[in-house]
Amino acid sequence: MSGSLLDAGAVIGCPHGGRATPATTPSGRLRVAGFAVATSAHTYVVAGCPHTVDGVPSPCVSVRWTAADTGVTADGAAVLLDTSAAQCVSAALVPQGPPVVQAAQRKVTVR
């Protein structure tokens, strides 16, 4: 698996236009361009999702990452790549589509 590392500065959104941010700022020791590398131990929350189902608001509220075993870890957890499998979910934990990674750290790649 290859892809670019996600870090605390990555621009990530839900498929409906909401913005995903780390619930807590990743603070690991591994840093790229000054930002902590995101790992499977970090959780992301979504704000500003306008998604509705049959006229009823059903916004994305979090992102659930499924970090593949790339063989690369940071602070004991698998690093997240822009190609890592993930789903944005509603408050009822209904999958609503994959997140959109608009910008990720391109200076380091994992192959």
Protein backbone atom coordinates (compact mmCIF):
# COMPACT_ATOMS: atom_id res chain seq x y z
CA MET A 1 0.00 0.00 0.00
CA SER A 2 1.29 3.44 -0.80
CA GLY A 3 0.07 6.88 0.06
CA SER A 4 0.92 10.14 1.71
CA LEU A 5 1.05 10.52 5.47
CA LEU A 6 -1.81 12.28 7.19
CA ASP A 7 -0.76 14.74 9.84
CA ALA A 8 -2.48 17.21 12.13
CA GLY A 9 -2.40 19.79 9.33
CA ALA A 10 -4.13 17.64 6.69
CA VAL A 11 -7.29 19.11 5.17
CA ILE A 12 -10.00 16.45 5.42
CA GLY A 13 -13.72 16.77 4.78
CA CYS A 14 -16.83 14.63 4.70
CA PRO A 15 -18.37 13.85 1.30
CA HIS A 16 -21.05 16.51 1.92
CA GLY A 17 -18.74 19.44 2.59
CA GLY A 18 -18.23 19.25 6.36
CA ARG A 19 -14.75 19.66 7.82
CA ALA A 20 -13.03 16.85 9.72
CA THR A 21 -10.51 17.75 12.41
CA PRO A 22 -8.72 15.72 15.05
CA ALA A 23 -10.80 15.45 18.24
CA THR A 24 -7.55 15.99 20.08
CA THR A 25 -4.44 17.36 18.46
CA PRO A 26 -2.07 14.53 17.59
CA SER A 27 0.94 15.02 19.82
CA GLY A 28 3.20 12.14 18.93
CA ARG A 29 6.94 12.39 18.68
CA LEU A 30 6.99 11.70 14.92
CA ARG A 31 6.57 14.95 13.04
CA VAL A 32 6.58 15.95 9.41
CA ALA A 33 7.03 19.62 8.54
CA GLY A 34 6.26 20.44 12.18
CA PHE A 35 2.97 18.54 12.37
CA ALA A 36 2.40 15.35 14.37
CA VAL A 37 1.67 12.33 12.17
CA ALA A 38 -1.91 11.05 12.53
CA THR A 39 -2.35 7.45 13.63
CA SER A 40 -5.15 4.96 14.08
CA ALA A 41 -5.20 6.03 17.75
CA HIS A 42 -6.51 9.50 16.81
CA THR A 43 -10.19 10.24 16.39
CA TYR A 44 -11.65 12.83 14.03
CA VAL A 45 -14.85 14.85 14.42
CA VAL A 46 -16.84 16.46 11.61
CA ALA A 47 -18.42 19.92 11.83
CA GLY A 48 -20.62 21.72 9.36
CA CYS A 49 -22.01 18.72 7.46
CA PRO A 50 -25.29 19.70 5.77
CA HIS A 51 -26.33 16.13 4.85
CA THR A 52 -30.04 15.28 5.06
CA VAL A 53 -31.99 12.08 4.39
CA ASP A 54 -35.56 12.62 3.16
CA GLY A 55 -35.44 16.17 4.53
CA VAL A 56 -34.26 15.10 7.99
CA PRO A 57 -30.80 16.32 9.07
CA SER A 58 -28.32 13.45 9.27
CA PRO A 59 -24.92 15.14 9.41
CA CYS A 60 -21.62 13.33 9.52
CA VAL A 61 -20.20 13.68 13.05
CA SER A 62 -17.04 11.59 12.99
CA VAL A 63 -14.60 9.68 10.81
CA ARG A 64 -13.80 6.03 11.52
CA TRP A 65 -10.41 5.06 10.11
CA THR A 66 -9.39 1.49 9.36
CA ALA A 67 -5.63 1.74 9.23
CA ALA A 68 -4.12 -0.99 7.12
CA ASP A 69 -1.02 -2.71 8.35
CA THR A 70 1.56 -0.72 6.41
CA GLY A 71 4.31 -1.86 8.73
CA VAL A 72 4.84 1.76 9.75
CA THR A 73 3.87 2.86 13.24
CA ALA A 74 4.22 6.01 15.28
CA ASP A 75 4.06 5.78 19.05
CA GLY A 76 2.86 2.18 18.73
CA ALA A 77 -0.11 2.84 16.41
CA ALA A 78 -0.41 2.43 12.63
CA VAL A 79 0.09 5.68 10.73
CA LEU A 80 -2.80 6.99 8.65
CA LEU A 81 -2.33 7.54 4.93
CA ASP A 82 -4.49 9.46 2.49
CA THR A 83 -5.32 6.03 1.05
CA SER A 84 -6.35 4.49 4.42
CA ALA A 85 -9.89 3.11 4.43
CA ALA A 86 -12.35 5.26 6.36
CA GLN A 87 -16.03 6.13 6.66
CA CYS A 88 -17.77 9.27 7.81
CA VAL A 89 -20.60 8.32 10.14
CA SER A 90 -23.70 9.98 11.57
CA ALA A 91 -24.52 10.23 15.27
CA ALA A 92 -26.46 6.95 14.83
CA LEU A 93 -23.20 5.41 13.46
CA VAL A 94 -24.66 5.10 9.95
CA PRO A 95 -21.87 5.10 7.31
CA GLN A 96 -22.31 8.09 4.98
CA GLY A 97 -19.34 7.82 2.66
CA PRO A 98 -15.58 8.09 2.69
CA PRO A 99 -13.82 11.26 3.80
CA VAL A 100 -12.25 13.49 1.19
CA VAL A 101 -8.57 14.18 1.78
CA GLN A 102 -7.92 17.50 0.09
CA ALA A 103 -4.36 17.97 1.25
CA ALA A 104 -1.90 15.58 2.87
CA GLN A 105 1.82 15.66 3.58
CA ARG A 106 3.51 14.96 0.25
CA LYS A 107 7.12 15.17 1.37
CA VAL A 108 7.09 11.69 2.89
CA THR A 109 5.47 8.68 1.30
CA VAL A 110 5.09 5.14 2.56
CA ARG A 111 5.55 2.36 0.04
